[in-house]
Amino acid sequence: MTQRNDSSLQSQNPVSQAQQSISKLHHAVNQAQSHPTGQMIEQAENALERAERSVAQADGHTHNNGLELAQSMLEEERSELEGLK
C-alpha cells in the first residue's frame, strides 16, 4: 500500500510527470529508430510534443535537479528524432 501512495504522490509532481513523459519519448524514439516508418516517426513526434508540454509545465513549479535532467534528456531525444527525418 505504501508503494501505491508513493506512486500517487509522484504522479502529482510536475517534475515526475515530465520525467515520465521523457521516458515515454525515449521509448518512442527507440522504436522509430528500430522501425523508421512514417507511423513510428509520427508517434515519436507526438511523444516529443507531449514531453515538451510536460517539461514546460514543470518549469517554474519547483527548483529541482530532476527538471534540469528532464530538460537535458528532452534535448537528447529531440536530436535523436531529428536524425531520423
C-alpha atoms as a PDB file:
ATOM      1  CA  MET A   1       0.000   0.000   0.000  1.00  0.00           C
ATOM      2  CA  THR A   2       2.892   2.375   0.675  1.00  0.00           C
ATOM      3  CA  GLN A   3       4.119   1.880  -2.878  1.00  0.00           C
ATOM      4  CA  ARG A   4       0.701   2.891  -4.171  1.00  0.00           C
ATOM      5  CA  ASN A   5       0.770   6.092  -2.138  1.00  0.00           C
ATOM      6  CA  ASP A   6       4.259   6.901  -3.392  1.00  0.00           C
ATOM      7  CA  SER A   7       3.116   6.438  -6.985  1.00  0.00           C
ATOM      8  CA  SER A   8       0.147   8.678  -6.348  1.00  0.00           C
ATOM      9  CA  LEU A   9       2.372  11.379  -4.926  1.00  0.00           C
ATOM     10  CA  GLN A  10       4.779  11.096  -7.833  1.00  0.00           C
ATOM     11  CA  SER A  11       2.003  11.409 -10.380  1.00  0.00           C
ATOM     12  CA  GLN A  12       1.040  14.718  -8.795  1.00  0.00           C
ATOM     13  CA  ASN A  13       4.558  16.126  -9.035  1.00  0.00           C
ATOM     14  CA  PRO A  14       5.099  18.113 -12.270  1.00  0.00           C
ATOM     15  CA  VAL A  15       8.787  17.122 -12.414  1.00  0.00           C
ATOM     16  CA  SER A  16       7.900  13.431 -12.063  1.00  0.00           C
ATOM     17  CA  GLN A  17       5.306  13.815 -14.788  1.00  0.00           C
ATOM     18  CA  ALA A  18       7.916  15.436 -17.029  1.00  0.00           C
ATOM     19  CA  GLN A  19      10.348  12.604 -16.339  1.00  0.00           C
ATOM     20  CA  GLN A  20       7.663  10.038 -17.168  1.00  0.00           C
ATOM     21  CA  SER A  21       6.935  11.843 -20.443  1.00  0.00           C
ATOM     22  CA  ILE A  22      10.646  11.817 -21.272  1.00  0.00           C
ATOM     23  CA  SER A  23      10.768   8.087 -20.585  1.00  0.00           C
ATOM     24  CA  LYS A  24       7.855   7.515 -22.954  1.00  0.00           C
ATOM     25  CA  LEU A  25       9.531   9.748 -25.537  1.00  0.00           C
ATOM     26  CA  HIS A  26      12.743   7.754 -25.222  1.00  0.00           C
ATOM     27  CA  HIS A  27      10.851   4.541 -25.872  1.00  0.00           C
ATOM     28  CA  ALA A  28       9.037   6.058 -28.883  1.00  0.00           C
ATOM     29  CA  VAL A  29      12.301   7.366 -30.381  1.00  0.00           C
ATOM     30  CA  ASN A  30      13.948   3.967 -29.893  1.00  0.00           C
ATOM     31  CA  GLN A  31      11.013   2.305 -31.639  1.00  0.00           C
ATOM     32  CA  ALA A  32      11.219   4.802 -34.507  1.00  0.00           C
ATOM     33  CA  GLN A  33      14.956   4.146 -34.839  1.00  0.00           C
ATOM     34  CA  SER A  34      14.359   0.396 -34.955  1.00  0.00           C
ATOM     35  CA  HIS A  35      11.427   0.671 -37.345  1.00  0.00           C
ATOM     36  CA  PRO A  36      11.714   4.027 -39.168  1.00  0.00           C
ATOM     37  CA  THR A  37       8.257   4.004 -40.725  1.00  0.00           C
ATOM     38  CA  GLY A  38       6.194   7.129 -41.108  1.00  0.00           C
ATOM     39  CA  GLN A  39       3.824   5.939 -38.421  1.00  0.00           C
ATOM     40  CA  MET A  40       6.573   5.250 -35.880  1.00  0.00           C
ATOM     41  CA  ILE A  41       8.212   8.614 -36.535  1.00  0.00           C
ATOM     42  CA  GLU A  42       4.840  10.345 -36.164  1.00  0.00           C
ATOM     43  CA  GLN A  43       4.271   8.567 -32.840  1.00  0.00           C
ATOM     44  CA  ALA A  44       7.696   9.727 -31.667  1.00  0.00           C
ATOM     45  CA  GLU A  45       6.910  13.288 -32.770  1.00  0.00           C
ATOM     46  CA  ASN A  46       3.656  13.158 -30.791  1.00  0.00           C
ATOM     47  CA  ALA A  47       5.562  11.885 -27.755  1.00  0.00           C
ATOM     48  CA  LEU A  48       8.039  14.738 -28.227  1.00  0.00           C
ATOM     49  CA  GLU A  49       5.220  17.301 -28.195  1.00  0.00           C
ATOM     50  CA  ARG A  50       3.749  15.799 -25.019  1.00  0.00           C
ATOM     51  CA  ALA A  51       7.159  15.734 -23.345  1.00  0.00           C
ATOM     52  CA  GLU A  52       7.822  19.354 -24.317  1.00  0.00           C
ATOM     53  CA  ARG A  53       4.494  20.414 -22.795  1.00  0.00           C
ATOM     54  CA  SER A  54       5.154  18.393 -19.667  1.00  0.00           C
ATOM     55  CA  VAL A  55       8.621  19.877 -19.169  1.00  0.00           C
ATOM     56  CA  ALA A  56       7.250  23.377 -19.798  1.00  0.00           C
ATOM     57  CA  GLN A  57       4.538  22.820 -17.187  1.00  0.00           C
ATOM     58  CA  ALA A  58       7.113  21.613 -14.650  1.00  0.00           C
ATOM     59  CA  ASP A  59       9.315  24.649 -15.257  1.00  0.00           C
ATOM     60  CA  GLY A  60       8.764  27.182 -12.514  1.00  0.00           C
ATOM     61  CA  HIS A  61       6.870  24.797 -10.238  1.00  0.00           C
ATOM     62  CA  THR A  62       9.939  23.626  -8.417  1.00  0.00           C
ATOM     63  CA  HIS A  63      13.660  24.134  -8.104  1.00  0.00           C
ATOM     64  CA  ASN A  64      14.561  20.523  -8.534  1.00  0.00           C
ATOM     65  CA  ASN A  65      17.542  18.963 -10.274  1.00  0.00           C
ATOM     66  CA  GLY A  66      15.084  16.499 -11.773  1.00  0.00           C
ATOM     67  CA  LEU A  67      13.739  19.253 -14.016  1.00  0.00           C
ATOM     68  CA  GLU A  68      17.205  20.055 -15.336  1.00  0.00           C
ATOM     69  CA  LEU A  69      17.751  16.380 -16.047  1.00  0.00           C
ATOM     70  CA  ALA A  70      14.378  16.138 -17.814  1.00  0.00           C
ATOM     71  CA  GLN A  71      15.222  19.182 -19.952  1.00  0.00           C
ATOM     72  CA  SER A  72      18.591  17.694 -20.873  1.00  0.00           C
ATOM     73  CA  MET A  73      17.050  14.347 -21.759  1.00  0.00           C
ATOM     74  CA  LEU A  74      14.372  16.097 -23.811  1.00  0.00           C
ATOM     75  CA  GLU A  75      17.061  17.793 -25.897  1.00  0.00           C
ATOM     76  CA  GLU A  76      18.865  14.496 -26.450  1.00  0.00           C
ATOM     77  CA  GLU A  77      15.690  12.765 -27.605  1.00  0.00           C
ATOM     78  CA  ARG A  78      14.764  15.712 -29.842  1.00  0.00           C
ATOM     79  CA  SER A  79      18.171  15.429 -31.539  1.00  0.00           C
ATOM     80  CA  GLU A  80      17.771  11.663 -31.988  1.00  0.00           C
ATOM     81  CA  LEU A  81      14.356  12.157 -33.572  1.00  0.00           C
ATOM     82  CA  GLU A  82      15.631  14.898 -35.869  1.00  0.00           C
ATOM     83  CA  GLY A  83      18.276  12.455 -37.073  1.00  0.00           C
ATOM     84  CA  LEU A  84      15.501  10.181 -38.371  1.00  0.00           C
ATOM     85  CA  LYS A  85      13.959  12.827 -40.595  1.00  0.00           C
END
